[in-house]
Amino acid sequence: MTRRSSAHERRVRYLRAAVLTALAACSTPAPALEVKAIDARVTDHRYHVQFEAVLAAPVEHVTRVLTDYAGYASLDPRIRESRVIGTTDTGQAVLRTRIRACAGLFCRTVLRTEQVAHADGRLVPRSCRARAT
């Protein structure tokens, strides 16, 4: 006898599959990308995605690209707008992005606000809020 998956489990499996598919599509033109870890889950009605990768490129070049927040739209056509809207008391950038997110045939515009910290060659969103419009 097999157990039916709950809606929550189906969403987590779908989210993982979507992230892995996106990574596969993105990593093809950049063979210098090595994915170290990926985790996608839903907790308390919130999606959590953690992605860690190593690029075969100088840290300062990667940092320059990843901290050019206004230039994010040139990195991925799904990013429609990106801008810094402020800074925290600790100097972290507060970034607002507008993304076109699709799952199969269903697409939504997602507005995301996040605090971004960078240190030790890492760029880490410390707090993120998103809402679909």
C-alpha atoms as a PDB file:
ATOM      1  CA  MET A   1       0.000   0.000   0.000  1.00  0.00           C
ATOM      2  CA  THR A   2       1.438   3.377  -0.971  1.00  0.00           C
ATOM      3  CA  ARG A   3       0.818   6.553   0.949  1.00  0.00           C
ATOM      4  CA  ARG A   4      -0.499   9.598  -0.866  1.00  0.00           C
ATOM      5  CA  SER A   5       1.774  12.610  -0.755  1.00  0.00           C
ATOM      6  CA  SER A   6       0.482  15.634   1.040  1.00  0.00           C
ATOM      7  CA  ALA A   7       0.151  18.908  -0.843  1.00  0.00           C
ATOM      8  CA  HIS A   8       3.099  20.193   1.184  1.00  0.00           C
ATOM      9  CA  GLU A   9       5.337  17.297   0.075  1.00  0.00           C
ATOM     10  CA  ARG A  10       4.292  17.762  -3.554  1.00  0.00           C
ATOM     11  CA  ARG A  11       5.156  21.488  -3.380  1.00  0.00           C
ATOM     12  CA  VAL A  12       8.589  20.723  -1.908  1.00  0.00           C
ATOM     13  CA  ARG A  13       9.302  18.093  -4.591  1.00  0.00           C
ATOM     14  CA  TYR A  14       8.125  20.490  -7.309  1.00  0.00           C
ATOM     15  CA  LEU A  15      10.246  23.337  -5.887  1.00  0.00           C
ATOM     16  CA  ARG A  16      13.349  21.126  -5.786  1.00  0.00           C
ATOM     17  CA  ALA A  17      12.738  19.944  -9.349  1.00  0.00           C
ATOM     18  CA  ALA A  18      12.247  23.533 -10.566  1.00  0.00           C
ATOM     19  CA  VAL A  19      15.454  24.729  -8.881  1.00  0.00           C
ATOM     20  CA  LEU A  20      17.479  21.786 -10.217  1.00  0.00           C
ATOM     21  CA  THR A  21      16.092  22.337 -13.722  1.00  0.00           C
ATOM     22  CA  ALA A  22      16.975  26.034 -13.585  1.00  0.00           C
ATOM     23  CA  LEU A  23      20.470  25.234 -12.352  1.00  0.00           C
ATOM     24  CA  ALA A  24      20.998  22.695 -15.107  1.00  0.00           C
ATOM     25  CA  ALA A  25      19.921  25.228 -17.711  1.00  0.00           C
ATOM     26  CA  CYS A  26      22.099  27.955 -16.225  1.00  0.00           C
ATOM     27  CA  SER A  27      25.180  25.816 -15.697  1.00  0.00           C
ATOM     28  CA  THR A  28      25.459  24.565 -19.284  1.00  0.00           C
ATOM     29  CA  PRO A  29      27.148  27.693 -20.721  1.00  0.00           C
ATOM     30  CA  ALA A  30      29.375  28.050 -17.645  1.00  0.00           C
ATOM     31  CA  PRO A  31      31.286  24.794 -17.103  1.00  0.00           C
ATOM     32  CA  ALA A  32      33.429  26.592 -14.523  1.00  0.00           C
ATOM     33  CA  LEU A  33      30.476  26.413 -12.110  1.00  0.00           C
ATOM     34  CA  GLU A  34      30.498  23.626  -9.539  1.00  0.00           C
ATOM     35  CA  VAL A  35      27.346  23.217  -7.477  1.00  0.00           C
ATOM     36  CA  LYS A  36      28.305  22.300  -3.903  1.00  0.00           C
ATOM     37  CA  ALA A  37      24.885  22.213  -2.255  1.00  0.00           C
ATOM     38  CA  ILE A  38      21.257  22.908  -2.984  1.00  0.00           C
ATOM     39  CA  ASP A  39      18.304  22.689  -0.651  1.00  0.00           C
ATOM     40  CA  ALA A  40      14.695  23.715  -1.231  1.00  0.00           C
ATOM     41  CA  ARG A  41      11.924  23.306   1.314  1.00  0.00           C
ATOM     42  CA  VAL A  42       8.707  24.818   2.597  1.00  0.00           C
ATOM     43  CA  THR A  43       8.451  25.663   6.304  1.00  0.00           C
ATOM     44  CA  ASP A  44       5.536  27.524   7.879  1.00  0.00           C
ATOM     45  CA  HIS A  45       4.160  28.437   4.431  1.00  0.00           C
ATOM     46  CA  ARG A  46       7.512  29.960   3.394  1.00  0.00           C
ATOM     47  CA  TYR A  47       9.807  28.723   0.663  1.00  0.00           C
ATOM     48  CA  HIS A  48      13.471  28.383   1.606  1.00  0.00           C
ATOM     49  CA  VAL A  49      16.120  27.868  -1.063  1.00  0.00           C
ATOM     50  CA  GLN A  50      19.814  27.530  -0.297  1.00  0.00           C
ATOM     51  CA  PHE A  51      22.280  27.304  -3.140  1.00  0.00           C
ATOM     52  CA  GLU A  52      26.054  27.109  -2.821  1.00  0.00           C
ATOM     53  CA  ALA A  53      28.398  27.002  -5.794  1.00  0.00           C
ATOM     54  CA  VAL A  54      32.048  27.561  -6.609  1.00  0.00           C
ATOM     55  CA  LEU A  55      33.040  29.534  -9.695  1.00  0.00           C
ATOM     56  CA  ALA A  56      36.424  29.233 -11.379  1.00  0.00           C
ATOM     57  CA  ALA A  57      36.920  33.002 -11.480  1.00  0.00           C
ATOM     58  CA  PRO A  58      38.758  35.587  -9.375  1.00  0.00           C
ATOM     59  CA  VAL A  59      36.764  36.533  -6.270  1.00  0.00           C
ATOM     60  CA  GLU A  60      37.002  40.250  -7.019  1.00  0.00           C
ATOM     61  CA  HIS A  61      35.459  39.769 -10.504  1.00  0.00           C
ATOM     62  CA  VAL A  62      32.588  37.672  -9.186  1.00  0.00           C
ATOM     63  CA  THR A  63      32.042  40.124  -6.302  1.00  0.00           C
ATOM     64  CA  ARG A  64      31.934  43.058  -8.732  1.00  0.00           C
ATOM     65  CA  VAL A  65      29.247  41.357 -10.849  1.00  0.00           C
ATOM     66  CA  LEU A  66      27.160  40.146  -7.889  1.00  0.00           C
ATOM     67  CA  THR A  67      27.245  43.507  -6.091  1.00  0.00           C
ATOM     68  CA  ASP A  68      26.211  45.445  -9.205  1.00  0.00           C
ATOM     69  CA  TYR A  69      22.614  45.255  -8.004  1.00  0.00           C
ATOM     70  CA  ALA A  70      21.283  47.605 -10.684  1.00  0.00           C
ATOM     71  CA  GLY A  71      22.824  45.308 -13.322  1.00  0.00           C
ATOM     72  CA  TYR A  72      21.051  42.128 -12.210  1.00  0.00           C
ATOM     73  CA  ALA A  73      18.604  42.348 -15.114  1.00  0.00           C
ATOM     74  CA  SER A  74      21.514  41.769 -17.514  1.00  0.00           C
ATOM     75  CA  LEU A  75      22.331  38.482 -15.733  1.00  0.00           C
ATOM     76  CA  ASP A  76      18.915  36.856 -16.113  1.00  0.00           C
ATOM     77  CA  PRO A  77      16.008  37.910 -18.351  1.00  0.00           C
ATOM     78  CA  ARG A  78      13.531  36.855 -15.638  1.00  0.00           C
ATOM     79  CA  ILE A  79      14.805  39.727 -13.470  1.00  0.00           C
ATOM     80  CA  ARG A  80      12.824  42.707 -14.727  1.00  0.00           C
ATOM     81  CA  GLU A  81      14.126  45.319 -12.290  1.00  0.00           C
ATOM     82  CA  SER A  82      16.670  45.511  -9.502  1.00  0.00           C
ATOM     83  CA  ARG A  83      17.734  48.426  -7.349  1.00  0.00           C
ATOM     84  CA  VAL A  84      19.125  49.346  -3.954  1.00  0.00           C
ATOM     85  CA  ILE A  85      16.422  51.011  -1.866  1.00  0.00           C
ATOM     86  CA  GLY A  86      18.518  51.651   1.258  1.00  0.00           C
ATOM     87  CA  THR A  87      21.005  50.259   3.740  1.00  0.00           C
ATOM     88  CA  THR A  88      20.682  48.772   7.224  1.00  0.00           C
ATOM     89  CA  ASP A  89      22.363  50.150  10.344  1.00  0.00           C
ATOM     90  CA  THR A  90      25.119  47.568   9.814  1.00  0.00           C
ATOM     91  CA  GLY A  91      25.743  48.665   6.219  1.00  0.00           C
ATOM     92  CA  GLN A  92      23.946  45.815   4.457  1.00  0.00           C
ATOM     93  CA  ALA A  93      22.333  46.750   1.167  1.00  0.00           C
ATOM     94  CA  VAL A  94      18.541  46.534   1.017  1.00  0.00           C
ATOM     95  CA  LEU A  95      17.697  45.337  -2.455  1.00  0.00           C
ATOM     96  CA  ARG A  96      14.338  45.342  -4.277  1.00  0.00           C
ATOM     97  CA  THR A  97      13.887  43.084  -7.311  1.00  0.00           C
ATOM     98  CA  ARG A  98      10.937  42.454  -9.598  1.00  0.00           C
ATOM     99  CA  ILE A  99      11.096  38.968 -11.096  1.00  0.00           C
ATOM    100  CA  ARG A 100       8.930  37.107 -13.612  1.00  0.00           C
ATOM    101  CA  ALA A 101       8.622  33.632 -12.063  1.00  0.00           C
ATOM    102  CA  CYS A 102       7.046  30.769 -13.976  1.00  0.00           C
ATOM    103  CA  ALA A 103       6.161  27.213 -13.033  1.00  0.00           C
ATOM    104  CA  GLY A 104       5.162  25.471 -16.216  1.00  0.00           C
ATOM    105  CA  LEU A 105       2.491  27.590 -17.876  1.00  0.00           C
ATOM    106  CA  PHE A 106       1.706  29.619 -14.765  1.00  0.00           C
ATOM    107  CA  CYS A 107       3.640  32.878 -14.386  1.00  0.00           C
ATOM    108  CA  ARG A 108       3.575  35.587 -11.730  1.00  0.00           C
ATOM    109  CA  THR A 109       5.471  38.769 -11.104  1.00  0.00           C
ATOM    110  CA  VAL A 110       7.261  38.543  -7.762  1.00  0.00           C
ATOM    111  CA  LEU A 111       8.427  41.585  -5.827  1.00  0.00           C
ATOM    112  CA  ARG A 112      11.265  40.692  -3.484  1.00  0.00           C
ATOM    113  CA  THR A 113      12.988  42.787  -0.821  1.00  0.00           C
ATOM    114  CA  GLU A 114      16.117  41.445   0.828  1.00  0.00           C
ATOM    115  CA  GLN A 115      19.017  42.513   2.994  1.00  0.00           C
ATOM    116  CA  VAL A 116      22.302  41.375   1.465  1.00  0.00           C
ATOM    117  CA  ALA A 117      25.546  40.898   3.387  1.00  0.00           C
ATOM    118  CA  HIS A 118      28.862  40.074   1.767  1.00  0.00           C
ATOM    119  CA  ALA A 119      32.020  38.940   3.525  1.00  0.00           C
ATOM    120  CA  ASP A 120      34.645  36.236   3.105  1.00  0.00           C
ATOM    121  CA  GLY A 121      33.799  35.767  -0.585  1.00  0.00           C
ATOM    122  CA  ARG A 122      30.126  35.084   0.186  1.00  0.00           C
ATOM    123  CA  LEU A 123      27.024  37.027  -0.729  1.00  0.00           C
ATOM    124  CA  VAL A 124      24.248  36.130   1.704  1.00  0.00           C
ATOM    125  CA  PRO A 125      20.676  37.438   1.802  1.00  0.00           C
ATOM    126  CA  ARG A 126      20.019  37.860   5.520  1.00  0.00           C
ATOM    127  CA  SER A 127      16.348  38.626   5.315  1.00  0.00           C
ATOM    128  CA  CYS A 128      14.039  38.249   2.365  1.00  0.00           C
ATOM    129  CA  ARG A 129      10.369  39.019   1.770  1.00  0.00           C
ATOM    130  CA  ALA A 130       8.553  38.259  -1.453  1.00  0.00           C
ATOM    131  CA  ARG A 131       5.038  38.698  -2.694  1.00  0.00           C
ATOM    132  CA  ALA A 132       3.391  37.808  -5.966  1.00  0.00           C
ATOM    133  CA  THR A 133       1.412  40.441  -7.822  1.00  0.00           C
END
